[in-house]
């Protein structure tokens, strides 16, 4: 979602290829398909022509930050990163933190854009200290950036920094986790951004139900209390 948001938000032309997800085992169709394109077996990846040698194989870039940096270098006319040196440095630091942190939130609040799981969110908030710490850190980081940049987005204008944090905002929304009054408007602006709305709409329309991904969402009244799944 993150590189897609950068591409779409800044009007950079691209062709999207959807690879259906059926699991992470090496034997899965998803992993086998990704391996055909990405030498590291990583998704997302960007495939583009090799400007150094047009006759060579296409250039493959993987990992979100590497893709973003490539897009910045190839499209200097766009302010994908803020031009202000201090904001730029802070934005890159926070994007790196996004990739290397918030593991409790990722684990206990898996992405599910079209679901509404406030009951699960209340249990997670009650029982998972590390999730509360992750949310506290997010609120602090966003508050600092909004103060430095004066908003309306984290670095002033919409940037790669907002694209990197948009997916985690969808998680917070799905589980209705508590946020502060000064960060809630920012989250609303992200959810209403045209590129975020387009990404969410496309994801919902192309989604395939996978029961192993639906840890919390059940339709049967016979399912035990959700608290039993919060291990």
C-alpha atoms as a PDB file:
ATOM      1  CA  UNK A   1       0.000   0.000   0.000  1.00  0.00           C
ATOM      2  CA  UNK A   2       2.758   2.479   0.905  1.00  0.00           C
ATOM      3  CA  UNK A   3       4.627   2.709  -2.443  1.00  0.00           C
ATOM      4  CA  UNK A   4       1.267   2.581  -4.249  1.00  0.00           C
ATOM      5  CA  UNK A   5       0.118   5.637  -2.301  1.00  0.00           C
ATOM      6  CA  UNK A   6       3.251   7.564  -3.256  1.00  0.00           C
ATOM      7  CA  UNK A   7       2.856   6.669  -6.926  1.00  0.00           C
ATOM      8  CA  UNK A   8      -0.843   7.530  -7.008  1.00  0.00           C
ATOM      9  CA  UNK A   9      -0.714  10.654  -4.846  1.00  0.00           C
ATOM     10  CA  UNK A  10       1.986  12.279  -6.978  1.00  0.00           C
ATOM     11  CA  UNK A  11       0.556  11.225 -10.314  1.00  0.00           C
ATOM     12  CA  UNK A  12       3.471   9.003 -11.297  1.00  0.00           C
ATOM     13  CA  UNK A  13       2.374   6.668 -14.069  1.00  0.00           C
ATOM     14  CA  UNK A  14       2.532   2.969 -13.254  1.00  0.00           C
ATOM     15  CA  UNK A  15       0.869  -0.344 -13.994  1.00  0.00           C
ATOM     16  CA  UNK A  16      -0.305  -2.380 -11.034  1.00  0.00           C
ATOM     17  CA  UNK A  17      -0.107  -6.162 -10.937  1.00  0.00           C
ATOM     18  CA  UNK A  18      -2.236  -7.886  -8.318  1.00  0.00           C
ATOM     19  CA  UNK A  19      -0.749 -11.087  -6.893  1.00  0.00           C
ATOM     20  CA  UNK A  20      -3.426 -13.015  -4.946  1.00  0.00           C
ATOM     21  CA  UNK A  21      -2.316 -13.886  -1.427  1.00  0.00           C
ATOM     22  CA  UNK A  22      -2.698 -17.451  -0.209  1.00  0.00           C
ATOM     23  CA  UNK A  23      -0.077 -17.548   2.540  1.00  0.00           C
ATOM     24  CA  UNK A  24       3.626 -17.074   3.250  1.00  0.00           C
ATOM     25  CA  UNK A  25       4.946 -20.675   2.958  1.00  0.00           C
ATOM     26  CA  UNK A  26       7.481 -21.059   0.165  1.00  0.00           C
ATOM     27  CA  UNK A  27       5.090 -23.526  -1.478  1.00  0.00           C
ATOM     28  CA  UNK A  28       2.275 -20.949  -1.692  1.00  0.00           C
ATOM     29  CA  UNK A  29       1.298 -19.578  -5.081  1.00  0.00           C
ATOM     30  CA  UNK A  30       1.862 -16.074  -3.731  1.00  0.00           C
ATOM     31  CA  UNK A  31       5.496 -16.708  -2.772  1.00  0.00           C
ATOM     32  CA  UNK A  32       6.208 -18.594  -5.979  1.00  0.00           C
ATOM     33  CA  UNK A  33       4.807 -15.773  -8.102  1.00  0.00           C
ATOM     34  CA  UNK A  34       6.692 -13.070  -6.204  1.00  0.00           C
ATOM     35  CA  UNK A  35       9.914 -15.082  -6.547  1.00  0.00           C
ATOM     36  CA  UNK A  36       9.591 -14.924 -10.337  1.00  0.00           C
ATOM     37  CA  UNK A  37       9.971 -11.156 -10.213  1.00  0.00           C
ATOM     38  CA  UNK A  38      11.699 -10.221  -6.969  1.00  0.00           C
ATOM     39  CA  UNK A  39      15.132 -11.823  -6.397  1.00  0.00           C
ATOM     40  CA  UNK A  40      14.718 -11.408  -2.644  1.00  0.00           C
ATOM     41  CA  UNK A  41      11.190 -12.810  -2.713  1.00  0.00           C
ATOM     42  CA  UNK A  42       9.952  -9.544  -1.212  1.00  0.00           C
ATOM     43  CA  UNK A  43       6.651  -7.809  -1.782  1.00  0.00           C
ATOM     44  CA  UNK A  44       6.020  -5.006  -2.641  1.00  0.00           C
ATOM     45  CA  UNK A  45       8.484  -4.542  -5.451  1.00  0.00           C
ATOM     46  CA  UNK A  46       8.823  -2.113  -8.338  1.00  0.00           C
ATOM     47  CA  UNK A  47       9.794  -3.290 -11.815  1.00  0.00           C
ATOM     48  CA  UNK A  48      11.014  -0.672 -14.252  1.00  0.00           C
ATOM     49  CA  UNK A  49      13.240  -0.284 -17.291  1.00  0.00           C
ATOM     50  CA  UNK A  50      16.977  -0.277 -16.679  1.00  0.00           C
ATOM     51  CA  UNK A  51      18.153   3.171 -17.785  1.00  0.00           C
ATOM     52  CA  UNK A  52      21.812   2.151 -17.454  1.00  0.00           C
ATOM     53  CA  UNK A  53      21.330  -0.587 -20.033  1.00  0.00           C
ATOM     54  CA  UNK A  54      18.008  -0.562 -21.889  1.00  0.00           C
ATOM     55  CA  UNK A  55      18.742  -4.012 -23.328  1.00  0.00           C
ATOM     56  CA  UNK A  56      19.272  -5.523 -19.890  1.00  0.00           C
ATOM     57  CA  UNK A  57      16.681  -7.209 -17.722  1.00  0.00           C
ATOM     58  CA  UNK A  58      14.183  -4.893 -15.993  1.00  0.00           C
ATOM     59  CA  UNK A  59      15.329  -3.213 -12.810  1.00  0.00           C
ATOM     60  CA  UNK A  60      13.680  -4.629  -9.685  1.00  0.00           C
ATOM     61  CA  UNK A  61      13.524  -2.573  -6.477  1.00  0.00           C
ATOM     62  CA  UNK A  62      12.090  -4.092  -3.312  1.00  0.00           C
ATOM     63  CA  UNK A  63      11.474  -2.868   0.247  1.00  0.00           C
ATOM     64  CA  UNK A  64       9.241   0.162   0.737  1.00  0.00           C
ATOM     65  CA  UNK A  65      11.907   2.728   1.604  1.00  0.00           C
ATOM     66  CA  UNK A  66      14.128   1.656  -1.291  1.00  0.00           C
ATOM     67  CA  UNK A  67      11.204   2.042  -3.682  1.00  0.00           C
ATOM     68  CA  UNK A  68      10.383   5.469  -2.266  1.00  0.00           C
ATOM     69  CA  UNK A  69      13.989   6.650  -2.576  1.00  0.00           C
ATOM     70  CA  UNK A  70      14.073   5.492  -6.197  1.00  0.00           C
ATOM     71  CA  UNK A  71      10.858   7.389  -6.920  1.00  0.00           C
ATOM     72  CA  UNK A  72      12.301  10.505  -5.280  1.00  0.00           C
ATOM     73  CA  UNK A  73      15.450  10.320  -7.407  1.00  0.00           C
ATOM     74  CA  UNK A  74      13.529   9.709 -10.626  1.00  0.00           C
ATOM     75  CA  UNK A  75      10.915  12.388  -9.962  1.00  0.00           C
ATOM     76  CA  UNK A  76      12.696  15.395  -8.416  1.00  0.00           C
ATOM     77  CA  UNK A  77       9.882  17.705  -9.515  1.00  0.00           C
ATOM     78  CA  UNK A  78       7.643  16.253  -6.805  1.00  0.00           C
ATOM     79  CA  UNK A  79       8.004  16.923  -3.084  1.00  0.00           C
ATOM     80  CA  UNK A  80       7.773  13.278  -2.118  1.00  0.00           C
ATOM     81  CA  UNK A  81       9.987  14.173   0.835  1.00  0.00           C
ATOM     82  CA  UNK A  82       9.624  17.626   2.419  1.00  0.00           C
ATOM     83  CA  UNK A  83      12.174  20.137   1.123  1.00  0.00           C
ATOM     84  CA  UNK A  84      12.835  21.538   4.590  1.00  0.00           C
ATOM     85  CA  UNK A  85      16.022  19.869   5.855  1.00  0.00           C
ATOM     86  CA  UNK A  86      14.812  19.323   9.422  1.00  0.00           C
ATOM     87  CA  UNK A  87      11.423  17.984   8.351  1.00  0.00           C
ATOM     88  CA  UNK A  88      13.101  15.789   5.745  1.00  0.00           C
ATOM     89  CA  UNK A  89      15.410  14.244   8.338  1.00  0.00           C
ATOM     90  CA  UNK A  90      12.581  13.669  10.783  1.00  0.00           C
ATOM     91  CA  UNK A  91      10.375  12.184   8.067  1.00  0.00           C
ATOM     92  CA  UNK A  92      13.021   9.681   6.998  1.00  0.00           C
ATOM     93  CA  UNK A  93      13.699   8.709  10.601  1.00  0.00           C
ATOM     94  CA  UNK A  94      10.014   8.093  11.255  1.00  0.00           C
ATOM     95  CA  UNK A  95       9.624   6.043   8.072  1.00  0.00           C
ATOM     96  CA  UNK A  96      12.545   3.864   9.146  1.00  0.00           C
ATOM     97  CA  UNK A  97      10.963   3.544  12.591  1.00  0.00           C
ATOM     98  CA  UNK A  98       7.720   2.486  10.945  1.00  0.00           C
ATOM     99  CA  UNK A  99       9.457  -0.421   9.222  1.00  0.00           C
ATOM    100  CA  UNK A 100      11.350  -1.568  12.313  1.00  0.00           C
ATOM    101  CA  UNK A 101       8.811  -0.991  15.095  1.00  0.00           C
ATOM    102  CA  UNK A 102       5.186  -1.313  16.242  1.00  0.00           C
ATOM    103  CA  UNK A 103       5.328  -5.094  16.262  1.00  0.00           C
ATOM    104  CA  UNK A 104       2.643  -5.514  18.930  1.00  0.00           C
ATOM    105  CA  UNK A 105       0.192  -3.423  16.928  1.00  0.00           C
ATOM    106  CA  UNK A 106       0.997  -5.387  13.767  1.00  0.00           C
ATOM    107  CA  UNK A 107       0.581  -8.720  15.533  1.00  0.00           C
ATOM    108  CA  UNK A 108      -2.615  -8.101  17.460  1.00  0.00           C
ATOM    109  CA  UNK A 109      -4.335  -5.744  15.004  1.00  0.00           C
ATOM    110  CA  UNK A 110      -3.877  -7.268  11.545  1.00  0.00           C
ATOM    111  CA  UNK A 111      -4.982  -5.181   8.606  1.00  0.00           C
ATOM    112  CA  UNK A 112      -8.643  -5.671   7.695  1.00  0.00           C
ATOM    113  CA  UNK A 113      -9.818  -2.553   5.907  1.00  0.00           C
ATOM    114  CA  UNK A 114     -13.471  -3.467   5.442  1.00  0.00           C
ATOM    115  CA  UNK A 115     -14.000  -4.859   8.958  1.00  0.00           C
ATOM    116  CA  UNK A 116     -15.327  -3.011  12.006  1.00  0.00           C
ATOM    117  CA  UNK A 117     -14.020  -4.677  15.169  1.00  0.00           C
ATOM    118  CA  UNK A 118     -14.476  -2.330  18.151  1.00  0.00           C
ATOM    119  CA  UNK A 119     -15.176  -5.189  20.576  1.00  0.00           C
ATOM    120  CA  UNK A 120     -11.880  -6.823  19.684  1.00  0.00           C
ATOM    121  CA  UNK A 121     -10.191  -3.438  19.923  1.00  0.00           C
ATOM    122  CA  UNK A 122     -11.452  -2.932  23.468  1.00  0.00           C
ATOM    123  CA  UNK A 123     -10.089  -6.328  24.512  1.00  0.00           C
ATOM    124  CA  UNK A 124      -6.757  -5.652  22.861  1.00  0.00           C
ATOM    125  CA  UNK A 125      -6.535  -2.257  24.549  1.00  0.00           C
ATOM    126  CA  UNK A 126      -7.368  -3.790  27.905  1.00  0.00           C
ATOM    127  CA  UNK A 127      -5.022  -6.759  27.720  1.00  0.00           C
ATOM    128  CA  UNK A 128      -2.072  -5.767  25.521  1.00  0.00           C
ATOM    129  CA  UNK A 129       0.293  -3.318  27.192  1.00  0.00           C
ATOM    130  CA  UNK A 130       2.669  -3.278  24.227  1.00  0.00           C
ATOM    131  CA  UNK A 131      -0.150  -2.263  21.890  1.00  0.00           C
ATOM    132  CA  UNK A 132      -0.929   0.664  24.179  1.00  0.00           C
ATOM    133  CA  UNK A 133       2.761   1.601  24.136  1.00  0.00           C
ATOM    134  CA  UNK A 134       2.813   1.466  20.334  1.00  0.00           C
ATOM    135  CA  UNK A 135      -0.198   3.773  20.135  1.00  0.00           C
ATOM    136  CA  UNK A 136       1.357   6.165  22.652  1.00  0.00           C
ATOM    137  CA  UNK A 137       4.519   6.322  20.559  1.00  0.00           C
ATOM    138  CA  UNK A 138       2.517   6.988  17.400  1.00  0.00           C
ATOM    139  CA  UNK A 139       0.561   9.783  19.034  1.00  0.00           C
ATOM    140  CA  UNK A 140       3.756  11.384  20.327  1.00  0.00           C
ATOM    141  CA  UNK A 141       5.515  11.182  16.962  1.00  0.00           C
ATOM    142  CA  UNK A 142       2.530  12.564  15.073  1.00  0.00           C
ATOM    143  CA  UNK A 143       2.049  15.355  17.602  1.00  0.00           C
ATOM    144  CA  UNK A 144       5.687  16.443  17.278  1.00  0.00           C
ATOM    145  CA  UNK A 145       5.608  16.420  13.480  1.00  0.00           C
ATOM    146  CA  UNK A 146       2.308  18.278  13.254  1.00  0.00           C
ATOM    147  CA  UNK A 147       3.681  20.918  15.615  1.00  0.00           C
ATOM    148  CA  UNK A 148       6.915  21.286  13.637  1.00  0.00           C
ATOM    149  CA  UNK A 149       5.269  21.379  10.226  1.00  0.00           C
ATOM    150  CA  UNK A 150       2.042  23.206  11.190  1.00  0.00           C
ATOM    151  CA  UNK A 151       0.139  20.511   9.264  1.00  0.00           C
ATOM    152  CA  UNK A 152      -2.208  19.636   7.773  1.00  0.00           C
ATOM    153  CA  UNK A 153      -0.148  16.480   7.168  1.00  0.00           C
ATOM    154  CA  UNK A 154       2.847  15.255   9.137  1.00  0.00           C
ATOM    155  CA  UNK A 155       5.431  17.164   7.111  1.00  0.00           C
ATOM    156  CA  UNK A 156       3.119  19.933   5.937  1.00  0.00           C
ATOM    157  CA  UNK A 157       1.982  18.714   2.536  1.00  0.00           C
ATOM    158  CA  UNK A 158       1.158  15.065   1.890  1.00  0.00           C
ATOM    159  CA  UNK A 159       4.437  13.178   1.598  1.00  0.00           C
ATOM    160  CA  UNK A 160       6.015   9.739   1.739  1.00  0.00           C
ATOM    161  CA  UNK A 161       5.818  10.008   5.520  1.00  0.00           C
ATOM    162  CA  UNK A 162       2.019  10.035   5.432  1.00  0.00           C
ATOM    163  CA  UNK A 163       2.012   7.180   2.921  1.00  0.00           C
ATOM    164  CA  UNK A 164       4.126   5.095   5.286  1.00  0.00           C
ATOM    165  CA  UNK A 165       1.771   5.633   8.221  1.00  0.00           C
ATOM    166  CA  UNK A 166      -1.532   5.370   6.348  1.00  0.00           C
ATOM    167  CA  UNK A 167      -1.816   1.561   6.689  1.00  0.00           C
ATOM    168  CA  UNK A 168      -1.403   1.710  10.449  1.00  0.00           C
ATOM    169  CA  UNK A 169      -4.136   4.341  10.598  1.00  0.00           C
ATOM    170  CA  UNK A 170      -6.476   1.866   8.909  1.00  0.00           C
ATOM    171  CA  UNK A 171      -5.661  -0.649  11.659  1.00  0.00           C
ATOM    172  CA  UNK A 172      -6.455   1.882  14.369  1.00  0.00           C
ATOM    173  CA  UNK A 173      -9.739   2.648  12.622  1.00  0.00           C
ATOM    174  CA  UNK A 174     -10.714  -1.016  12.219  1.00  0.00           C
ATOM    175  CA  UNK A 175     -10.233  -1.767  15.922  1.00  0.00           C
ATOM    176  CA  UNK A 176     -11.347   1.688  17.143  1.00  0.00           C
ATOM    177  CA  UNK A 177      -8.272   2.077  19.332  1.00  0.00           C
ATOM    178  CA  UNK A 178      -8.227   5.261  21.444  1.00  0.00           C
ATOM    179  CA  UNK A 179      -6.443   8.282  19.986  1.00  0.00           C
ATOM    180  CA  UNK A 180      -5.910  11.781  21.310  1.00  0.00           C
ATOM    181  CA  UNK A 181      -7.973  14.789  20.298  1.00  0.00           C
ATOM    182  CA  UNK A 182      -4.979  16.448  18.657  1.00  0.00           C
ATOM    183  CA  UNK A 183      -4.135  13.466  16.425  1.00  0.00           C
ATOM    184  CA  UNK A 184      -7.668  12.360  15.494  1.00  0.00           C
ATOM    185  CA  UNK A 185      -8.117  15.155  12.887  1.00  0.00           C
ATOM    186  CA  UNK A 186      -4.884  14.112  11.187  1.00  0.00           C
ATOM    187  CA  UNK A 187      -6.071  10.519  10.990  1.00  0.00           C
ATOM    188  CA  UNK A 188      -9.337  11.701   9.470  1.00  0.00           C
ATOM    189  CA  UNK A 189      -7.453  13.711   6.823  1.00  0.00           C
ATOM    190  CA  UNK A 190      -5.465  10.606   5.901  1.00  0.00           C
ATOM    191  CA  UNK A 191      -8.595   8.471   5.600  1.00  0.00           C
ATOM    192  CA  UNK A 192     -10.193  11.127   3.376  1.00  0.00           C
ATOM    193  CA  UNK A 193      -7.156  11.595   1.128  1.00  0.00           C
ATOM    194  CA  UNK A 194      -8.152  10.624  -2.441  1.00  0.00           C
ATOM    195  CA  UNK A 195      -5.290   8.155  -2.835  1.00  0.00           C
ATOM    196  CA  UNK A 196      -6.006   6.450   0.482  1.00  0.00           C
ATOM    197  CA  UNK A 197      -9.705   6.210  -0.358  1.00  0.00           C
ATOM    198  CA  UNK A 198      -8.883   4.778  -3.782  1.00  0.00           C
ATOM    199  CA  UNK A 199      -6.471   2.228  -2.307  1.00  0.00           C
ATOM    200  CA  UNK A 200      -8.995   1.127   0.306  1.00  0.00           C
ATOM    201  CA  UNK A 201     -11.791   0.865  -2.256  1.00  0.00           C
ATOM    202  CA  UNK A 202      -9.656  -1.235  -4.591  1.00  0.00           C
ATOM    203  CA  UNK A 203      -8.522  -3.481  -1.743  1.00  0.00           C
ATOM    204  CA  UNK A 204     -12.097  -4.170  -0.654  1.00  0.00           C
ATOM    205  CA  UNK A 205     -13.297  -4.844  -4.200  1.00  0.00           C
ATOM    206  CA  UNK A 206     -10.450  -7.258  -4.975  1.00  0.00           C
ATOM    207  CA  UNK A 207     -10.392  -9.003  -1.599  1.00  0.00           C
ATOM    208  CA  UNK A 208     -10.655 -12.769  -1.374  1.00  0.00           C
ATOM    209  CA  UNK A 209     -11.810 -14.195   1.950  1.00  0.00           C
ATOM    210  CA  UNK A 210      -9.062 -16.237   3.617  1.00  0.00           C
ATOM    211  CA  UNK A 211     -10.145 -17.775   6.895  1.00  0.00           C
ATOM    212  CA  UNK A 212      -6.565 -17.975   8.200  1.00  0.00           C
ATOM    213  CA  UNK A 213      -6.352 -14.180   7.919  1.00  0.00           C
ATOM    214  CA  UNK A 214      -9.661 -13.594   9.707  1.00  0.00           C
ATOM    215  CA  UNK A 215      -8.444 -14.130  13.244  1.00  0.00           C
ATOM    216  CA  UNK A 216     -11.246 -12.136  14.860  1.00  0.00           C
ATOM    217  CA  UNK A 217     -14.147 -11.822  12.452  1.00  0.00           C
ATOM    218  CA  UNK A 218     -16.730 -14.586  12.825  1.00  0.00           C
ATOM    219  CA  UNK A 219     -20.389 -14.830  11.937  1.00  0.00           C
ATOM    220  CA  UNK A 220     -21.416 -17.730  14.154  1.00  0.00           C
ATOM    221  CA  UNK A 221     -22.939 -17.114  17.578  1.00  0.00           C
ATOM    222  CA  UNK A 222     -21.295 -20.338  18.714  1.00  0.00           C
ATOM    223  CA  UNK A 223     -17.776 -18.884  18.509  1.00  0.00           C
ATOM    224  CA  UNK A 224     -16.221 -18.457  21.996  1.00  0.00           C
ATOM    225  CA  UNK A 225     -15.547 -15.077  23.551  1.00  0.00           C
ATOM    226  CA  UNK A 226     -12.985 -13.167  21.422  1.00  0.00           C
ATOM    227  CA  UNK A 227     -10.796 -12.727  24.506  1.00  0.00           C
ATOM    228  CA  UNK A 228      -9.825 -16.368  24.130  1.00  0.00           C
ATOM    229  CA  UNK A 229      -8.053 -15.552  20.876  1.00  0.00           C
ATOM    230  CA  UNK A 230      -5.899 -12.798  22.387  1.00  0.00           C
ATOM    231  CA  UNK A 231      -2.879 -14.883  23.300  1.00  0.00           C
END
